[in-house]
Amino acid sequence: MSHAYKTKGGLLPVLDGLEVAVPEGTFAAVVGPSGCGKSTLTKLVAGLMKPDTGEVWLHGERVTAPRKTVGMAFQNPVLLEWRSILENVILPLEIVAPKMPRARRVARAMELLEMVGLVGFENKRPSELSGGMRQRASLCRSLVHKPEVLILDEPFGALDAFTREDLWQTMRDLRRAEPFTAVLITHDLRESVFLGDQVIVLSGRPARTQYVMDVDLPEDRTLDVLFTPQAAGMLHTLRDQIKIAQGRGGKDH
């Protein structure tokens, strides 16, 4: 798969022969240098853009337009201030399942809000919640219509370290309760190892698949796993791969 953007100076190649395969039901983390095309990849997977060459397939069907079976969460939660948290969460159901009774929409939303610890805040406005709480609500909104594929474009990147780690565990719990295939874009290698079943390293722009690592850690992992020799070794390998992608060579000697 290849893609380029039109600029005043001509075409800017972003992806060049990129190949990515994410097995159904798994969690893939995508890392790479800044500006290498990670966010472009998410837009192509979501059907928001079409690649110049190549194809995107989800669950045996070619992606040619935005799909109801895809959920998305971004670094900025983009919650609507004039709607309560509950009304923000049920919004996708109003779009993809307009005939669903309101009672069922509310029940589904409250089920997710309970999972992320936001019961009692469902009638608050977004501005009344902390950044971490707004991101929890955003995750609920992205999952409320039970998508087959969840795309996460740096959803925890703007949060402080403690809140970010707390949300990693929330994401782990949501994944355990809600079956979906996930693609996470992140700059945080620890995040990629904690959440991912595999980590895909993209090269510098124009991006290709440079390296794929299977994460050999327990499925029901806690933050302590990041301090084990296994995790340390994987993080070391990933840092070397990022250096190569940045054109700075591999291992330090």
Protein backbone atom coordinates (compact mmCIF):
# COMPACT_ATOMS: atom_id res chain seq x y z
CA MET A 1 0.00 0.00 0.00
CA SER A 2 1.33 3.42 -0.98
CA HIS A 3 0.04 6.95 -0.51
CA ALA A 4 1.23 10.50 -1.18
CA TYR A 5 -0.16 13.95 -0.39
CA LYS A 6 -0.37 16.76 -2.91
CA THR A 7 1.58 19.83 -1.81
CA LYS A 8 2.56 23.10 -3.47
CA GLY A 9 5.95 21.60 -4.16
CA GLY A 10 4.52 18.43 -5.69
CA LEU A 11 3.72 15.00 -4.29
CA LEU A 12 4.88 14.13 -0.77
CA PRO A 13 5.19 10.31 -0.46
CA VAL A 14 4.02 9.16 2.99
CA LEU A 15 3.59 5.40 2.62
CA ASP A 16 5.57 3.30 0.17
CA GLY A 17 4.82 -0.41 -0.17
CA LEU A 18 3.54 -0.64 3.39
CA GLU A 19 2.25 -4.08 4.39
CA VAL A 20 0.47 -4.58 7.71
CA ALA A 21 -1.50 -7.65 8.83
CA VAL A 22 -3.37 -7.67 12.15
CA PRO A 23 -4.97 -11.01 13.07
CA GLU A 24 -8.62 -10.82 14.09
CA GLY A 25 -9.13 -10.30 17.81
CA THR A 26 -5.58 -9.07 18.47
CA PHE A 27 -4.16 -5.73 19.57
CA ALA A 28 -1.49 -4.20 17.31
CA ALA A 29 0.58 -1.20 18.39
CA VAL A 30 2.18 0.88 15.62
CA VAL A 31 5.27 2.96 16.40
CA GLY A 32 7.71 4.95 14.30
CA PRO A 33 9.41 8.33 13.90
CA SER A 34 7.32 11.50 14.02
CA GLY A 35 5.75 12.29 10.67
CA CYS A 36 6.30 8.84 9.22
CA GLY A 37 2.64 8.30 8.30
CA LYS A 38 1.14 6.56 11.33
CA SER A 39 -1.99 8.72 11.38
CA THR A 40 -2.35 8.35 7.61
CA LEU A 41 -2.44 4.60 8.16
CA THR A 42 -5.36 4.92 10.61
CA LYS A 43 -7.35 7.04 8.14
CA LEU A 44 -6.82 4.44 5.42
CA VAL A 45 -7.89 1.60 7.72
CA ALA A 46 -10.98 3.55 8.80
CA GLY A 47 -11.96 4.24 5.20
CA LEU A 48 -11.62 8.00 5.61
CA MET A 49 -9.09 8.01 2.74
CA LYS A 50 -8.22 5.67 -0.12
CA PRO A 51 -4.62 4.61 -0.79
CA ASP A 52 -3.08 5.66 -4.10
CA THR A 53 -2.06 2.05 -4.69
CA GLY A 54 -2.93 -1.10 -2.81
CA GLU A 55 -5.98 -2.12 -0.79
CA VAL A 56 -7.24 -2.25 2.79
CA TRP A 57 -9.24 -5.27 3.91
CA LEU A 58 -11.19 -5.75 7.14
CA HIS A 59 -12.75 -9.10 8.02
CA GLY A 60 -12.67 -10.27 4.42
CA GLU A 61 -14.15 -7.12 2.90
CA ARG A 62 -12.34 -4.41 0.99
CA VAL A 63 -12.52 -0.98 2.62
CA THR A 64 -13.76 1.65 0.17
CA ALA A 65 -15.60 4.05 2.51
CA PRO A 66 -16.10 4.74 6.24
CA ARG A 67 -17.52 1.70 8.01
CA LYS A 68 -19.99 1.38 10.86
CA THR A 69 -17.97 -1.54 12.22
CA VAL A 70 -14.97 0.70 13.04
CA GLY A 71 -14.62 2.72 16.25
CA MET A 72 -12.08 5.52 16.70
CA ALA A 73 -10.55 7.39 19.63
CA PHE A 74 -8.05 10.24 19.34
CA GLN A 75 -5.63 12.22 21.50
CA ASN A 76 -8.27 14.94 21.79
CA PRO A 77 -11.51 13.35 23.04
CA VAL A 78 -13.64 15.87 21.05
CA LEU A 79 -16.67 15.55 23.33
CA LEU A 80 -19.63 17.85 22.62
CA GLU A 81 -19.94 20.36 25.44
CA TRP A 82 -23.70 20.86 24.95
CA ARG A 83 -24.29 17.15 25.60
CA SER A 84 -23.85 15.31 28.89
CA ILE A 85 -21.29 12.53 29.16
CA LEU A 86 -24.08 9.97 28.73
CA GLU A 87 -25.41 11.73 25.63
CA ASN A 88 -21.88 11.92 24.20
CA VAL A 89 -21.37 8.19 24.69
CA ILE A 90 -24.65 7.17 23.02
CA LEU A 91 -24.08 9.45 20.00
CA PRO A 92 -22.69 6.68 17.71
CA LEU A 93 -25.78 4.57 18.41
CA GLU A 94 -27.99 7.43 17.25
CA ILE A 95 -26.09 7.35 13.95
CA VAL A 96 -25.59 3.63 13.28
CA ALA A 97 -28.68 2.26 15.07
CA PRO A 98 -31.33 5.02 14.86
CA LYS A 99 -34.19 2.56 15.51
CA MET A 100 -32.68 1.20 18.73
CA PRO A 101 -34.92 2.11 21.69
CA ARG A 102 -33.43 4.81 23.88
CA ALA A 103 -33.60 2.56 26.94
CA ARG A 104 -31.26 0.09 25.22
CA ARG A 105 -28.88 2.87 24.19
CA VAL A 106 -28.71 4.17 27.73
CA ALA A 107 -28.24 0.68 29.17
CA ARG A 108 -25.36 -0.02 26.77
CA ALA A 109 -23.70 3.33 27.56
CA MET A 110 -24.06 2.85 31.31
CA GLU A 111 -22.55 -0.63 31.02
CA LEU A 112 -19.39 0.88 29.55
CA LEU A 113 -19.33 3.86 31.92
CA GLU A 114 -19.43 1.42 34.82
CA MET A 115 -16.47 -0.49 33.37
CA VAL A 116 -14.34 2.68 33.30
CA GLY A 117 -15.46 4.07 36.66
CA LEU A 118 -17.62 6.94 35.41
CA VAL A 119 -20.96 5.95 36.93
CA GLY A 120 -22.16 9.04 38.79
CA PHE A 121 -20.66 11.37 36.20
CA GLU A 122 -22.99 10.50 33.32
CA ASN A 123 -24.97 13.74 33.68
CA LYS A 124 -21.91 15.99 33.88
CA ARG A 125 -20.71 18.13 31.00
CA PRO A 126 -17.29 17.40 29.49
CA SER A 127 -15.80 20.58 30.96
CA GLU A 128 -16.65 19.32 34.46
CA LEU A 129 -14.40 16.27 34.07
CA SER A 130 -10.62 15.89 34.19
CA GLY A 131 -8.63 15.05 31.07
CA GLY A 132 -8.35 11.41 32.05
CA MET A 133 -12.08 11.15 32.73
CA ARG A 134 -12.89 12.72 29.36
CA GLN A 135 -10.65 10.19 27.65
CA ARG A 136 -12.43 7.37 29.48
CA ALA A 137 -15.72 8.73 28.15
CA SER A 138 -14.19 8.90 24.67
CA LEU A 139 -13.19 5.24 24.87
CA CYS A 140 -16.74 4.35 25.89
CA ARG A 141 -18.11 6.30 22.93
CA SER A 142 -15.76 4.49 20.53
CA LEU A 143 -16.96 1.09 21.82
CA VAL A 144 -20.66 1.73 22.42
CA HIS A 145 -21.75 0.36 19.02
CA LYS A 146 -19.61 -2.79 19.50
CA PRO A 147 -17.20 -2.20 16.61
CA GLU A 148 -15.24 -5.05 15.07
CA VAL A 149 -12.15 -2.84 14.79
CA LEU A 150 -11.03 -0.11 17.19
CA ILE A 151 -8.53 2.48 15.98
CA LEU A 152 -6.68 4.42 18.69
CA ASP A 153 -4.63 7.38 17.46
CA GLU A 154 -2.43 8.36 20.42
CA PRO A 155 -5.43 8.51 22.80
CA PHE A 156 -3.25 8.80 25.92
CA GLY A 157 -0.49 11.03 24.53
CA ALA A 158 -1.66 14.32 26.08
CA LEU A 159 -2.12 12.93 29.60
CA ASP A 160 0.29 12.95 32.54
CA ALA A 161 2.25 9.78 33.25
CA PHE A 162 0.11 8.57 36.16
CA THR A 163 -3.18 9.08 34.30
CA ARG A 164 -1.74 7.49 31.20
CA GLU A 165 -0.71 4.32 33.05
CA ASP A 166 -4.11 4.18 34.74
CA LEU A 167 -5.80 4.32 31.33
CA TRP A 168 -3.55 1.56 30.00
CA GLN A 169 -5.10 -0.67 32.64
CA THR A 170 -8.58 0.58 31.75
CA MET A 171 -7.90 -0.28 28.10
CA ARG A 172 -6.70 -3.73 29.16
CA ASP A 173 -9.93 -4.30 31.10
CA LEU A 174 -12.12 -3.05 28.25
CA ARG A 175 -10.39 -5.40 25.85
CA ARG A 176 -11.01 -8.31 28.19
CA ALA A 177 -14.73 -7.49 28.36
CA GLU A 178 -15.31 -6.29 24.78
CA PRO A 179 -14.04 -8.44 21.89
CA PHE A 180 -12.50 -6.32 19.13
CA THR A 181 -9.43 -6.00 16.94
CA ALA A 182 -7.37 -2.93 17.80
CA VAL A 183 -4.78 -0.78 16.07
CA LEU A 184 -3.01 1.65 18.41
CA ILE A 185 -0.82 4.49 17.16
CA THR A 186 1.62 5.57 19.87
CA HIS A 187 4.99 7.22 20.50
CA ASP A 188 5.31 5.46 23.88
CA LEU A 189 7.22 2.19 23.58
CA ARG A 190 6.19 1.11 27.09
CA GLU A 191 2.56 1.62 26.09
CA SER A 192 3.06 -0.45 22.95
CA VAL A 193 4.53 -3.35 24.92
CA PHE A 194 1.96 -3.21 27.73
CA LEU A 195 -1.09 -3.13 25.45
CA GLY A 196 0.04 -4.86 22.28
CA ASP A 197 0.03 -8.46 21.13
CA GLN A 198 2.39 -7.25 18.43
CA VAL A 199 4.34 -4.05 17.84
CA ILE A 200 4.76 -2.84 14.26
CA VAL A 201 7.69 -0.46 13.66
CA LEU A 202 7.36 1.81 10.64
CA SER A 203 10.40 3.21 8.87
CA GLY A 204 11.01 6.89 8.25
CA ARG A 205 8.88 8.58 5.58
CA PRO A 206 7.85 7.23 3.14
CA ALA A 207 6.95 4.51 5.60
CA ARG A 208 7.17 0.79 5.09
CA THR A 209 6.94 -2.02 7.63
CA GLN A 210 10.43 -2.15 9.07
CA TYR A 211 10.01 -4.61 11.94
CA VAL A 212 7.28 -6.63 13.65
CA MET A 213 7.65 -7.87 17.22
CA ASP A 214 5.39 -10.40 18.92
CA VAL A 215 4.89 -9.38 22.55
CA ASP A 216 5.67 -12.43 24.66
CA LEU A 217 4.08 -11.33 27.93
CA PRO A 218 1.14 -12.69 29.96
CA GLU A 219 -2.25 -11.72 28.53
CA ASP A 220 -3.53 -10.60 31.94
CA ARG A 221 -0.59 -8.29 32.54
CA THR A 222 -0.07 -5.66 35.23
CA LEU A 223 2.21 -2.63 35.15
CA ASP A 224 4.83 -4.62 37.05
CA VAL A 225 5.45 -6.65 33.89
CA LEU A 226 7.19 -3.61 32.37
CA PHE A 227 10.00 -4.05 34.89
CA THR A 228 10.73 -7.67 33.99
CA PRO A 229 13.79 -8.75 31.98
CA GLN A 230 11.49 -9.87 29.13
CA ALA A 231 9.92 -6.42 28.79
CA ALA A 232 13.28 -4.69 29.17
CA GLY A 233 14.69 -6.75 26.32
CA MET A 234 11.75 -5.96 24.05
CA LEU A 235 11.98 -2.24 24.82
CA HIS A 236 15.70 -2.28 24.06
CA THR A 237 15.04 -3.93 20.70
CA LEU A 238 12.30 -1.42 19.87
CA ARG A 239 14.54 1.54 20.75
CA ASP A 240 17.18 0.17 18.37
CA GLN A 241 14.56 -0.16 15.65
CA ILE A 242 13.41 3.44 16.15
CA LYS A 243 17.02 4.61 15.86
CA ILE A 244 17.29 2.78 12.54
CA ALA A 245 14.02 4.32 11.38
CA GLN A 246 15.35 7.75 12.28
CA GLY A 247 18.54 7.09 10.33
CA ARG A 248 20.69 7.04 13.46
CA GLY A 249 21.91 3.46 13.15
CA GLY A 250 21.20 0.52 15.38
CA LYS A 251 22.71 -0.61 18.64
CA ASP A 252 25.16 1.57 20.51
CA HIS A 253 28.69 0.17 20.59
